[in-house]
Amino acid sequence: MLSMEEKIERFVAAIEADARSESDVIQREIERETEAALTAAEDDALNETYRYIKARSADERTRSGRGVSRHMMARKNAINARRERMAEQVMESVRARLSEYVQTPAYAERLKKSARDAWEAIGRGDTTLYLREADMPLQGVLADALKDAAASVGAAPKVTFKAGDMELGGLTAVSAATNLMADETFDTKFEELRGHFAELFGLQLSK
């Protein structure tokens, strides 16, 4: 039979065992809660990191897109400017060639043909011819050309000469009877050529 002291020792040992068991249960629960809290914190951190990276990526894409757009626009503007400079160089070359051409005998022959073509186009009647101020000395030559053309069809037109506002050369004919006009000026043909360049290159050429 156990003595009173042994009974007490066993009773204390049982209490200590229960206490240790309860402590282990509490410890494991604390560990589980701690692990769950850490996992949740890690998930939150990962989610926040993902959101941050996603937002930064979107910002970078936006900035990159704006940068690419700016670069493309700058390149397009540079190409257009280059094309326009090239077109202007061609137009200036044409203008210079015309300036040389109007000083040659071939120009007077060209005016005579233009006068005849214009006169026939507007009806072969009395006509006013508009010339450059520099071409007014050619009135007699042009009048004779029209008289020769009229003789072939039996007409006897009256020809009046006036200074026009063209700069490059050529002439304009206006019918006295119908007010029809035939434009044979280099100025108009030059602008048509300018328009052709604008259409070809997609440009708005400066005057």
N, C-alpha and C. Protein backbone atom coordinates (compact mmCIF):
# COMPACT_ATOMS: atom_id res chain seq x y z
N MET A 1 0.85 -1.19 0.00
CA MET A 1 0.00 0.00 0.00
C MET A 1 0.88 1.23 0.00
N LEU A 2 0.45 2.22 -0.82
CA LEU A 2 1.28 3.41 -0.97
C LEU A 2 1.16 4.28 0.26
N SER A 3 2.29 4.83 0.56
CA SER A 3 2.30 5.77 1.68
C SER A 3 1.70 7.08 1.22
N MET A 4 1.37 7.92 2.16
CA MET A 4 0.78 9.22 1.86
C MET A 4 1.74 10.04 1.01
N GLU A 5 2.98 9.99 1.23
CA GLU A 5 3.98 10.78 0.48
C GLU A 5 4.03 10.32 -0.96
N GLU A 6 3.94 8.99 -1.19
CA GLU A 6 3.96 8.48 -2.55
C GLU A 6 2.72 8.91 -3.33
N LYS A 7 1.56 8.87 -2.58
CA LYS A 7 0.32 9.31 -3.22
C LYS A 7 0.42 10.76 -3.66
N ILE A 8 1.02 11.57 -2.79
CA ILE A 8 1.15 13.00 -3.10
C ILE A 8 2.07 13.19 -4.31
N GLU A 9 3.16 12.42 -4.35
CA GLU A 9 4.10 12.54 -5.46
C GLU A 9 3.45 12.17 -6.78
N ARG A 10 2.62 11.07 -6.74
CA ARG A 10 1.94 10.65 -7.95
C ARG A 10 0.91 11.70 -8.40
N PHE A 11 0.22 12.26 -7.41
CA PHE A 11 -0.78 13.27 -7.71
C PHE A 11 -0.12 14.49 -8.35
N VAL A 12 1.00 14.90 -7.81
CA VAL A 12 1.74 16.06 -8.35
C VAL A 12 2.24 15.73 -9.75
N ALA A 13 2.74 14.50 -9.95
CA ALA A 13 3.25 14.10 -11.26
C ALA A 13 2.15 14.13 -12.30
N ALA A 14 0.94 13.66 -11.88
CA ALA A 14 -0.20 13.67 -12.81
C ALA A 14 -0.58 15.10 -13.19
N ILE A 15 -0.57 15.97 -12.19
CA ILE A 15 -0.90 17.38 -12.46
C ILE A 15 0.13 17.99 -13.40
N GLU A 16 1.40 17.67 -13.16
CA GLU A 16 2.45 18.21 -14.02
C GLU A 16 2.33 17.68 -15.45
N ALA A 17 1.95 16.38 -15.57
CA ALA A 17 1.78 15.78 -16.90
C ALA A 17 0.63 16.46 -17.64
N ASP A 18 -0.48 16.68 -16.91
CA ASP A 18 -1.62 17.38 -17.54
C ASP A 18 -1.24 18.80 -17.95
N ALA A 19 -0.46 19.43 -17.08
CA ALA A 19 -0.04 20.80 -17.37
C ALA A 19 0.84 20.83 -18.60
N ARG A 20 1.78 19.84 -18.69
CA ARG A 20 2.65 19.79 -19.86
C ARG A 20 1.85 19.52 -21.14
N SER A 21 0.87 18.59 -20.99
CA SER A 21 0.03 18.29 -22.17
C SER A 21 -0.76 19.52 -22.63
N GLU A 22 -1.33 20.21 -21.65
CA GLU A 22 -2.09 21.43 -21.97
C GLU A 22 -1.17 22.49 -22.57
N SER A 23 0.06 22.57 -22.03
CA SER A 23 1.03 23.54 -22.54
C SER A 23 1.41 23.23 -24.00
N ASP A 24 1.57 21.87 -24.23
CA ASP A 24 1.91 21.48 -25.62
C ASP A 24 0.78 21.86 -26.58
N VAL A 25 -0.47 21.62 -26.13
CA VAL A 25 -1.63 21.97 -26.99
C VAL A 25 -1.65 23.47 -27.26
N ILE A 26 -1.44 24.24 -26.21
CA ILE A 26 -1.44 25.70 -26.37
C ILE A 26 -0.30 26.14 -27.27
N GLN A 27 0.88 25.52 -27.10
CA GLN A 27 2.04 25.88 -27.90
C GLN A 27 1.79 25.58 -29.38
N ARG A 28 1.20 24.38 -29.63
CA ARG A 28 0.92 24.04 -31.02
C ARG A 28 -0.11 25.00 -31.64
N GLU A 29 -1.10 25.38 -30.85
CA GLU A 29 -2.11 26.34 -31.35
C GLU A 29 -1.47 27.69 -31.66
N ILE A 30 -0.57 28.10 -30.75
CA ILE A 30 0.13 29.37 -30.97
C ILE A 30 0.95 29.30 -32.26
N GLU A 31 1.63 28.13 -32.43
CA GLU A 31 2.46 27.96 -33.63
C GLU A 31 1.59 27.99 -34.90
N ARG A 32 0.40 27.29 -34.80
CA ARG A 32 -0.48 27.29 -35.97
C ARG A 32 -0.98 28.72 -36.28
N GLU A 33 -1.38 29.44 -35.24
CA GLU A 33 -1.86 30.81 -35.45
C GLU A 33 -0.76 31.71 -35.99
N THR A 34 0.46 31.49 -35.43
CA THR A 34 1.59 32.29 -35.90
C THR A 34 1.89 32.00 -37.37
N GLU A 35 1.87 30.68 -37.72
CA GLU A 35 2.13 30.29 -39.11
C GLU A 35 1.06 30.86 -40.04
N ALA A 36 -0.21 30.78 -39.58
CA ALA A 36 -1.30 31.32 -40.40
C ALA A 36 -1.16 32.82 -40.59
N ALA A 37 -0.77 33.50 -39.51
CA ALA A 37 -0.59 34.96 -39.59
C ALA A 37 0.56 35.30 -40.54
N LEU A 38 1.65 34.51 -40.43
CA LEU A 38 2.79 34.75 -41.31
C LEU A 38 2.41 34.50 -42.77
N THR A 39 1.66 33.40 -43.01
CA THR A 39 1.23 33.08 -44.38
C THR A 39 0.36 34.20 -44.94
N ALA A 40 -0.57 34.68 -44.09
CA ALA A 40 -1.44 35.77 -44.54
C ALA A 40 -0.63 37.02 -44.83
N ALA A 41 0.34 37.28 -43.97
CA ALA A 41 1.17 38.46 -44.18
C ALA A 41 2.00 38.32 -45.46
N GLU A 42 2.52 37.09 -45.67
CA GLU A 42 3.28 36.85 -46.90
C GLU A 42 2.40 37.01 -48.13
N ASP A 43 1.16 36.47 -48.04
CA ASP A 43 0.22 36.61 -49.17
C ASP A 43 -0.09 38.07 -49.44
N ASP A 44 -0.32 38.83 -48.37
CA ASP A 44 -0.59 40.26 -48.53
C ASP A 44 0.60 40.96 -49.16
N ALA A 45 1.80 40.59 -48.67
CA ALA A 45 3.00 41.21 -49.21
C ALA A 45 3.18 40.86 -50.68
N LEU A 46 2.93 39.57 -51.01
CA LEU A 46 3.05 39.15 -52.42
C LEU A 46 2.02 39.86 -53.30
N ASN A 47 0.77 39.95 -52.78
CA ASN A 47 -0.27 40.62 -53.54
C ASN A 47 0.06 42.10 -53.74
N GLU A 48 0.56 42.72 -52.70
CA GLU A 48 0.92 44.13 -52.81
C GLU A 48 2.08 44.32 -53.79
N THR A 49 3.05 43.38 -53.69
CA THR A 49 4.17 43.44 -54.63
C THR A 49 3.70 43.26 -56.06
N TYR A 50 2.76 42.31 -56.26
CA TYR A 50 2.22 42.08 -57.60
C TYR A 50 1.50 43.33 -58.12
N ARG A 51 0.68 43.92 -57.23
CA ARG A 51 -0.04 45.14 -57.64
C ARG A 51 0.94 46.26 -57.97
N TYR A 52 1.99 46.38 -57.19
CA TYR A 52 2.98 47.42 -57.43
C TYR A 52 3.70 47.21 -58.76
N ILE A 53 4.12 45.94 -58.99
CA ILE A 53 4.82 45.62 -60.24
C ILE A 53 3.90 45.85 -61.44
N LYS A 54 2.64 45.43 -61.29
CA LYS A 54 1.68 45.61 -62.37
C LYS A 54 1.47 47.09 -62.68
N ALA A 55 1.33 47.89 -61.60
CA ALA A 55 1.14 49.33 -61.80
C ALA A 55 2.36 49.96 -62.44
N ARG A 56 3.56 49.58 -61.96
CA ARG A 56 4.79 50.12 -62.55
C ARG A 56 4.95 49.69 -64.00
N SER A 57 4.57 48.42 -64.27
CA SER A 57 4.67 47.94 -65.66
C SER A 57 3.75 48.74 -66.57
N ALA A 58 2.51 49.01 -66.06
CA ALA A 58 1.57 49.80 -66.85
C ALA A 58 2.12 51.21 -67.08
N ASP A 59 2.70 51.79 -66.02
CA ASP A 59 3.30 53.13 -66.15
C ASP A 59 4.43 53.12 -67.17
N GLU A 60 5.26 52.07 -67.08
CA GLU A 60 6.39 51.98 -68.02
C GLU A 60 5.90 51.80 -69.45
N ARG A 61 4.86 50.97 -69.62
CA ARG A 61 4.31 50.79 -70.97
C ARG A 61 3.76 52.10 -71.50
N THR A 62 3.08 52.83 -70.62
CA THR A 62 2.52 54.13 -71.04
C THR A 62 3.63 55.09 -71.42
N ARG A 63 4.68 55.16 -70.55
CA ARG A 63 5.79 56.07 -70.85
C ARG A 63 6.52 55.63 -72.10
N SER A 64 6.70 54.30 -72.23
CA SER A 64 7.37 53.80 -73.43
C SER A 64 6.55 54.10 -74.68
N GLY A 65 5.22 53.90 -74.57
CA GLY A 65 4.35 54.19 -75.70
C GLY A 65 4.41 55.65 -76.09
N ARG A 66 4.40 56.53 -75.08
CA ARG A 66 4.51 57.96 -75.38
C ARG A 66 5.86 58.27 -76.02
N GLY A 67 6.90 57.61 -75.50
CA GLY A 67 8.23 57.85 -76.07
C GLY A 67 8.32 57.37 -77.51
N VAL A 68 7.74 56.20 -77.78
CA VAL A 68 7.74 55.68 -79.15
C VAL A 68 6.93 56.60 -80.06
N SER A 69 5.77 57.05 -79.57
CA SER A 69 4.93 57.94 -80.37
C SER A 69 5.65 59.24 -80.68
N ARG A 70 6.33 59.79 -79.66
CA ARG A 70 7.08 61.03 -79.88
C ARG A 70 8.19 60.82 -80.90
N HIS A 71 8.87 59.68 -80.76
CA HIS A 71 9.96 59.39 -81.70
C HIS A 71 9.44 59.22 -83.11
N MET A 72 8.34 58.48 -83.25
CA MET A 72 7.77 58.26 -84.59
C MET A 72 7.30 59.58 -85.20
N MET A 73 6.67 60.43 -84.36
CA MET A 73 6.20 61.72 -84.87
C MET A 73 7.37 62.60 -85.29
N ALA A 74 8.44 62.58 -84.47
CA ALA A 74 9.62 63.37 -84.81
C ALA A 74 10.23 62.89 -86.12
N ARG A 75 10.30 61.56 -86.29
CA ARG A 75 10.84 61.01 -87.54
C ARG A 75 9.95 61.38 -88.72
N LYS A 76 8.63 61.29 -88.51
CA LYS A 76 7.70 61.63 -89.60
C LYS A 76 7.85 63.10 -89.98
N ASN A 77 7.95 63.97 -88.97
CA ASN A 77 8.12 65.39 -89.25
C ASN A 77 9.43 65.66 -89.97
N ALA A 78 10.48 64.96 -89.56
CA ALA A 78 11.78 65.14 -90.21
C ALA A 78 11.73 64.68 -91.66
N ILE A 79 11.06 63.55 -91.89
CA ILE A 79 10.94 63.05 -93.27
C ILE A 79 10.13 64.01 -94.12
N ASN A 80 9.01 64.49 -93.56
CA ASN A 80 8.18 65.44 -94.31
C ASN A 80 8.94 66.73 -94.61
N ALA A 81 9.71 67.19 -93.62
CA ALA A 81 10.49 68.41 -93.84
C ALA A 81 11.52 68.19 -94.93
N ARG A 82 12.15 67.01 -94.91
CA ARG A 82 13.14 66.68 -95.94
C ARG A 82 12.48 66.61 -97.32
N ARG A 83 11.32 65.96 -97.38
CA ARG A 83 10.61 65.89 -98.66
C ARG A 83 10.24 67.28 -99.16
N GLU A 84 9.79 68.12 -98.25
CA GLU A 84 9.38 69.46 -98.66
C GLU A 84 10.58 70.26 -99.15
N ARG A 85 11.72 70.10 -98.46
CA ARG A 85 12.92 70.80 -98.92
C ARG A 85 13.32 70.32 -100.31
N MET A 86 13.23 69.00 -100.52
CA MET A 86 13.58 68.45 -101.84
C MET A 86 12.63 68.99 -102.91
N ALA A 87 11.33 69.01 -102.59
CA ALA A 87 10.35 69.50 -103.56
C ALA A 87 10.59 70.98 -103.85
N GLU A 88 10.92 71.76 -102.82
CA GLU A 88 11.18 73.18 -103.02
C GLU A 88 12.42 73.39 -103.87
N GLN A 89 13.42 72.54 -103.67
CA GLN A 89 14.64 72.64 -104.49
C GLN A 89 14.31 72.38 -105.96
N VAL A 90 13.45 71.38 -106.20
CA VAL A 90 13.04 71.10 -107.57
C VAL A 90 12.27 72.28 -108.15
N MET A 91 11.35 72.84 -107.35
CA MET A 91 10.55 73.96 -107.83
C MET A 91 11.42 75.19 -108.11
N GLU A 92 12.40 75.42 -107.26
CA GLU A 92 13.30 76.54 -107.49
C GLU A 92 14.15 76.31 -108.74
N SER A 93 14.52 75.05 -108.98
CA SER A 93 15.26 74.73 -110.19
C SER A 93 14.40 74.99 -111.43
N VAL A 94 13.12 74.61 -111.35
CA VAL A 94 12.21 74.86 -112.47
C VAL A 94 12.05 76.35 -112.70
N ARG A 95 11.89 77.10 -111.60
CA ARG A 95 11.75 78.56 -111.72
C ARG A 95 12.99 79.17 -112.38
N ALA A 96 14.16 78.69 -111.99
CA ALA A 96 15.40 79.21 -112.57
C ALA A 96 15.50 78.88 -114.05
N ARG A 97 15.09 77.65 -114.43
CA ARG A 97 15.11 77.27 -115.83
C ARG A 97 14.15 78.13 -116.65
N LEU A 98 12.99 78.42 -116.09
CA LEU A 98 12.02 79.28 -116.78
C LEU A 98 12.58 80.69 -116.96
N SER A 99 13.25 81.17 -115.92
CA SER A 99 13.84 82.50 -115.99
C SER A 99 14.86 82.58 -117.12
N GLU A 100 15.61 81.51 -117.32
CA GLU A 100 16.58 81.46 -118.43
C GLU A 100 15.86 81.31 -119.77
N TYR A 101 14.81 80.50 -119.78
CA TYR A 101 14.10 80.20 -121.03
C TYR A 101 13.46 81.44 -121.64
N VAL A 102 12.88 82.31 -120.80
CA VAL A 102 12.17 83.48 -121.35
C VAL A 102 13.14 84.49 -121.97
N GLN A 103 14.42 84.25 -121.84
CA GLN A 103 15.41 85.13 -122.47
C GLN A 103 15.85 84.60 -123.83
N THR A 104 15.32 83.48 -124.26
CA THR A 104 15.77 82.84 -125.50
C THR A 104 14.79 83.09 -126.65
N PRO A 105 15.24 82.98 -127.89
CA PRO A 105 14.34 83.11 -129.05
C PRO A 105 13.23 82.06 -129.03
N ALA A 106 13.49 80.92 -128.45
CA ALA A 106 12.48 79.86 -128.40
C ALA A 106 11.25 80.31 -127.63
N TYR A 107 11.45 81.21 -126.65
CA TYR A 107 10.32 81.70 -125.86
C TYR A 107 9.36 82.51 -126.74
N ALA A 108 9.90 83.35 -127.61
CA ALA A 108 9.04 84.14 -128.51
C ALA A 108 8.23 83.22 -129.41
N GLU A 109 8.84 82.14 -129.89
CA GLU A 109 8.11 81.19 -130.70
C GLU A 109 7.02 80.49 -129.89
N ARG A 110 7.35 80.20 -128.65
CA ARG A 110 6.37 79.57 -127.76
C ARG A 110 5.19 80.51 -127.53
N LEU A 111 5.43 81.80 -127.35
CA LEU A 111 4.36 82.77 -127.16
C LEU A 111 3.46 82.84 -128.39
N LYS A 112 4.05 82.81 -129.56
CA LYS A 112 3.26 82.87 -130.80
C LYS A 112 2.31 81.67 -130.89
N LYS A 113 2.83 80.49 -130.58
CA LYS A 113 1.99 79.29 -130.60
C LYS A 113 0.90 79.39 -129.53
N SER A 114 1.27 79.86 -128.33
CA SER A 114 0.29 80.00 -127.26
C SER A 114 -0.81 80.98 -127.65
N ALA A 115 -0.42 82.07 -128.30
CA ALA A 115 -1.42 83.07 -128.73
C ALA A 115 -2.39 82.45 -129.73
N ARG A 116 -1.89 81.71 -130.70
CA ARG A 116 -2.77 81.08 -131.69
C ARG A 116 -3.69 80.05 -131.03
N ASP A 117 -3.13 79.19 -130.17
CA ASP A 117 -3.94 78.16 -129.50
C ASP A 117 -5.02 78.79 -128.63
N ALA A 118 -4.65 79.83 -127.88
CA ALA A 118 -5.61 80.48 -127.00
C ALA A 118 -6.72 81.16 -127.81
N TRP A 119 -6.32 81.85 -128.89
CA TRP A 119 -7.30 82.54 -129.73
C TRP A 119 -8.30 81.56 -130.33
N GLU A 120 -7.84 80.42 -130.78
CA GLU A 120 -8.74 79.42 -131.34
C GLU A 120 -9.64 78.82 -130.25
N ALA A 121 -9.09 78.65 -129.05
CA ALA A 121 -9.85 78.02 -127.96
C ALA A 121 -11.02 78.89 -127.49
N ILE A 122 -10.89 80.22 -127.57
CA ILE A 122 -11.95 81.09 -127.05
C ILE A 122 -12.89 81.62 -128.14
N GLY A 123 -12.73 81.14 -129.37
CA GLY A 123 -13.72 81.50 -130.37
C GLY A 123 -13.25 82.25 -131.58
N ARG A 124 -11.97 82.57 -131.69
CA ARG A 124 -11.39 83.22 -132.88
C ARG A 124 -11.98 84.60 -133.16
N GLY A 125 -12.42 85.29 -132.14
CA GLY A 125 -12.94 86.64 -132.33
C GLY A 125 -11.96 87.68 -131.83
N ASP A 126 -12.47 88.89 -131.62
CA ASP A 126 -11.63 89.94 -131.06
C ASP A 126 -11.11 89.49 -129.70
N THR A 127 -9.86 89.75 -129.48
CA THR A 127 -9.19 89.16 -128.31
C THR A 127 -8.29 90.17 -127.62
N THR A 128 -8.27 90.07 -126.30
CA THR A 128 -7.30 90.82 -125.50
C THR A 128 -6.26 89.84 -124.99
N LEU A 129 -5.02 90.15 -125.28
CA LEU A 129 -3.91 89.32 -124.80
C LEU A 129 -3.21 90.02 -123.64
N TYR A 130 -3.07 89.30 -122.52
CA TYR A 130 -2.37 89.83 -121.35
C TYR A 130 -0.98 89.20 -121.30
N LEU A 131 0.05 90.07 -121.25
CA LEU A 131 1.44 89.63 -121.24
C LEU A 131 2.15 90.15 -120.01
N ARG A 132 3.31 89.57 -119.73
CA ARG A 132 4.20 90.18 -118.73
C ARG A 132 4.63 91.57 -119.23
N GLU A 133 4.90 92.44 -118.31
CA GLU A 133 5.40 93.76 -118.71
C GLU A 133 6.67 93.61 -119.55
N ALA A 134 7.51 92.63 -119.18
CA ALA A 134 8.77 92.42 -119.92
C ALA A 134 8.51 91.90 -121.33
N ASP A 135 7.31 91.32 -121.58
CA ASP A 135 7.02 90.76 -122.90
C ASP A 135 6.22 91.71 -123.80
N MET A 136 5.87 92.87 -123.30
CA MET A 136 5.08 93.80 -124.10
C MET A 136 5.76 94.18 -125.43
N PRO A 137 7.10 94.24 -125.51
CA PRO A 137 7.74 94.52 -126.81
C PRO A 137 7.44 93.47 -127.89
N LEU A 138 6.88 92.32 -127.51
CA LEU A 138 6.57 91.27 -128.48
C LEU A 138 5.16 91.42 -129.06
N GLN A 139 4.49 92.54 -128.78
CA GLN A 139 3.12 92.72 -129.26
C GLN A 139 3.03 92.54 -130.78
N GLY A 140 3.93 93.18 -131.53
CA GLY A 140 3.88 93.12 -132.99
C GLY A 140 4.02 91.70 -133.50
N VAL A 141 4.96 90.95 -132.93
CA VAL A 141 5.19 89.55 -133.34
C VAL A 141 3.94 88.72 -133.09
N LEU A 142 3.33 88.92 -131.95
CA LEU A 142 2.15 88.12 -131.60
C LEU A 142 0.95 88.52 -132.45
N ALA A 143 0.81 89.81 -132.71
CA ALA A 143 -0.29 90.27 -133.56
C ALA A 143 -0.17 89.67 -134.96
N ASP A 144 1.02 89.64 -135.48
CA ASP A 144 1.23 89.04 -136.81
C ASP A 144 0.91 87.55 -136.80
N ALA A 145 1.26 86.89 -135.71
CA ALA A 145 0.98 85.45 -135.61
C ALA A 145 -0.52 85.20 -135.65
N LEU A 146 -1.30 86.06 -134.96
CA LEU A 146 -2.75 85.89 -134.96
C LEU A 146 -3.35 86.25 -136.31
N LYS A 147 -2.79 87.26 -136.97
CA LYS A 147 -3.28 87.61 -138.31
C LYS A 147 -3.06 86.45 -139.29
N ASP A 148 -1.91 85.81 -139.18
CA ASP A 148 -1.64 84.66 -140.05
C ASP A 148 -2.62 83.53 -139.77
N ALA A 149 -2.88 83.31 -138.48
CA ALA A 149 -3.82 82.24 -138.11
C ALA A 149 -5.23 82.60 -138.58
N ALA A 150 -5.58 83.90 -138.48
CA ALA A 150 -6.93 84.33 -138.90
C ALA A 150 -7.10 84.23 -140.40
N ALA A 151 -6.05 84.49 -141.13
CA ALA A 151 -6.13 84.44 -142.60
C ALA A 151 -6.51 83.04 -143.08
N SER A 152 -6.09 82.03 -142.33
CA SER A 152 -6.37 80.65 -142.76
C SER A 152 -7.83 80.28 -142.57
N VAL A 153 -8.55 81.05 -141.77
CA VAL A 153 -9.97 80.74 -141.52
C VAL A 153 -10.88 81.89 -141.97
N GLY A 154 -10.30 82.93 -142.58
CA GLY A 154 -11.09 84.04 -143.08
C GLY A 154 -11.55 85.02 -142.02
N ALA A 155 -10.97 85.00 -140.85
CA ALA A 155 -11.37 85.93 -139.78
C ALA A 155 -10.45 87.14 -139.79
N ALA A 156 -10.92 88.22 -139.18
CA ALA A 156 -10.09 89.43 -139.08
C ALA A 156 -10.24 89.99 -137.67
N PRO A 157 -9.65 89.32 -136.67
CA PRO A 157 -9.86 89.74 -135.29
C PRO A 157 -9.10 91.02 -134.94
N LYS A 158 -9.65 91.72 -133.97
CA LYS A 158 -8.95 92.86 -133.39
C LYS A 158 -8.23 92.33 -132.14
N VAL A 159 -6.95 92.66 -132.05
CA VAL A 159 -6.16 92.18 -130.92
C VAL A 159 -5.71 93.37 -130.08
N THR A 160 -6.02 93.31 -128.79
CA THR A 160 -5.61 94.35 -127.85
C THR A 160 -4.62 93.74 -126.87
N PHE A 161 -3.56 94.46 -126.57
CA PHE A 161 -2.55 93.96 -125.63
C PHE A 161 -2.59 94.76 -124.33
N LYS A 162 -2.52 94.02 -123.21
CA LYS A 162 -2.47 94.66 -121.89
C LYS A 162 -1.45 93.93 -121.04
N ALA A 163 -0.88 94.67 -120.09
CA ALA A 163 0.06 94.05 -119.14
C ALA A 163 -0.73 93.25 -118.11
N GLY A 164 -0.33 91.99 -117.93
CA GLY A 164 -0.99 91.14 -116.94
C GLY A 164 -0.18 91.03 -115.66
N ASP A 165 -0.69 90.23 -114.74
CA ASP A 165 -0.02 90.10 -113.44
C ASP A 165 0.83 88.83 -113.35
N MET A 166 1.03 88.13 -114.46
CA MET A 166 1.89 86.94 -114.42
C MET A 166 3.35 87.36 -114.23
N GLU A 167 4.12 86.49 -113.61
CA GLU A 167 5.52 86.80 -113.32
C GLU A 167 6.49 85.94 -114.11
N LEU A 168 6.12 84.69 -114.38
CA LEU A 168 7.07 83.75 -114.97
C LEU A 168 7.07 83.78 -116.49
N GLY A 169 5.96 84.11 -117.08
CA GLY A 169 5.90 84.14 -118.54
C GLY A 169 4.60 83.59 -119.06
N GLY A 170 4.49 83.52 -120.40
CA GLY A 170 3.27 83.04 -121.01
C GLY A 170 2.27 84.17 -121.20
N LEU A 171 1.02 83.81 -121.49
CA LEU A 171 0.00 84.83 -121.75
C LEU A 171 -1.37 84.30 -121.39
N THR A 172 -2.31 85.25 -121.28
CA THR A 172 -3.72 84.94 -121.08
C THR A 172 -4.50 85.63 -122.19
N ALA A 173 -5.45 84.92 -122.79
CA ALA A 173 -6.29 85.49 -123.84
C ALA A 173 -7.73 85.54 -123.36
N VAL A 174 -8.41 86.69 -123.62
CA VAL A 174 -9.80 86.86 -123.21
C VAL A 174 -10.61 87.29 -124.43
N SER A 175 -11.71 86.60 -124.69
CA SER A 175 -12.58 86.93 -125.82
C SER A 175 -13.39 88.18 -125.51
N ALA A 176 -13.40 89.12 -126.43
CA ALA A 176 -14.20 90.33 -126.24
C ALA A 176 -15.68 90.04 -126.33
N ALA A 177 -16.05 89.03 -127.11
CA ALA A 177 -17.46 88.74 -127.32
C ALA A 177 -18.07 87.90 -126.20
N THR A 178 -17.39 86.89 -125.77
CA THR A 178 -17.95 85.94 -124.80
C THR A 178 -17.31 86.02 -123.41
N ASN A 179 -16.22 86.77 -123.32
CA ASN A 179 -15.46 86.88 -122.06
C ASN A 179 -14.83 85.55 -121.64
N LEU A 180 -14.77 84.59 -122.56
CA LEU A 180 -14.06 83.35 -122.27
C LEU A 180 -12.56 83.63 -122.16
N MET A 181 -11.91 82.87 -121.32
CA MET A 181 -10.49 83.08 -121.07
C MET A 181 -9.71 81.80 -121.30
N ALA A 182 -8.55 81.93 -121.91
CA ALA A 182 -7.62 80.80 -122.05
C ALA A 182 -6.32 81.18 -121.35
N ASP A 183 -5.94 80.37 -120.39
CA ASP A 183 -4.75 80.65 -119.58
C ASP A 183 -3.58 79.84 -120.12
N GLU A 184 -2.61 80.51 -120.68
CA GLU A 184 -1.40 79.86 -121.19
C GLU A 184 -0.17 80.38 -120.44
N THR A 185 -0.35 80.76 -119.19
CA THR A 185 0.76 81.34 -118.42
C THR A 185 1.63 80.26 -117.81
N PHE A 186 2.91 80.56 -117.69
CA PHE A 186 3.82 79.67 -116.98
C PHE A 186 3.48 79.65 -115.49
N ASP A 187 2.94 80.75 -114.99
CA ASP A 187 2.60 80.83 -113.57
C ASP A 187 1.60 79.74 -113.19
N THR A 188 0.54 79.59 -114.01
CA THR A 188 -0.47 78.57 -113.72
C THR A 188 0.13 77.17 -113.84
N LYS A 189 0.93 76.95 -114.88
CA LYS A 189 1.55 75.63 -115.05
C LYS A 189 2.51 75.33 -113.91
N PHE A 190 3.18 76.36 -113.43
CA PHE A 190 4.10 76.18 -112.30
C PHE A 190 3.32 75.76 -111.05
N GLU A 191 2.17 76.41 -110.80
CA GLU A 191 1.36 76.04 -109.64
C GLU A 191 0.77 74.65 -109.80
N GLU A 192 0.44 74.26 -111.02
CA GLU A 192 -0.04 72.90 -111.25
C GLU A 192 1.06 71.88 -110.93
N LEU A 193 2.29 72.23 -111.30
CA LEU A 193 3.42 71.36 -110.97
C LEU A 193 3.62 71.30 -109.46
N ARG A 194 3.47 72.43 -108.80
CA ARG A 194 3.58 72.46 -107.34
C ARG A 194 2.51 71.56 -106.71
N GLY A 195 1.29 71.64 -107.25
CA GLY A 195 0.22 70.79 -106.75
C GLY A 195 0.51 69.32 -106.98
N HIS A 196 1.15 69.02 -108.10
CA HIS A 196 1.52 67.63 -108.39
C HIS A 196 2.50 67.12 -107.33
N PHE A 197 3.47 67.95 -106.97
CA PHE A 197 4.42 67.55 -105.94
C PHE A 197 3.72 67.35 -104.60
N ALA A 198 2.79 68.27 -104.29
CA ALA A 198 2.08 68.15 -103.02
C ALA A 198 1.28 66.86 -102.96
N GLU A 199 0.65 66.50 -104.08
CA GLU A 199 -0.11 65.26 -104.13
C GLU A 199 0.80 64.04 -104.08
N LEU A 200 1.91 64.12 -104.76
CA LEU A 200 2.84 63.00 -104.82
C LEU A 200 3.45 62.69 -103.46
N PHE A 201 3.85 63.75 -102.75
CA PHE A 201 4.54 63.57 -101.47
C PHE A 201 3.63 63.75 -100.27
N GLY A 202 2.37 64.15 -100.50
CA GLY A 202 1.48 64.40 -99.37
C GLY A 202 1.90 65.60 -98.57
N LEU A 203 2.33 66.68 -99.25
CA LEU A 203 2.89 67.83 -98.59
C LEU A 203 2.06 69.08 -98.87
N GLN A 204 2.24 70.06 -98.01
CA GLN A 204 1.69 71.39 -98.26
C GLN A 204 2.88 72.31 -98.50
N LEU A 205 3.20 72.51 -99.77
CA LEU A 205 4.39 73.30 -100.10
C LEU A 205 4.14 74.76 -99.81
N SER A 206 5.14 75.40 -99.22
CA SER A 206 5.04 76.82 -98.93
C SER A 206 5.20 77.61 -100.22
N LYS A 207 4.61 78.79 -100.23
CA LYS A 207 4.71 79.64 -101.42
C LYS A 207 6.11 80.22 -101.51
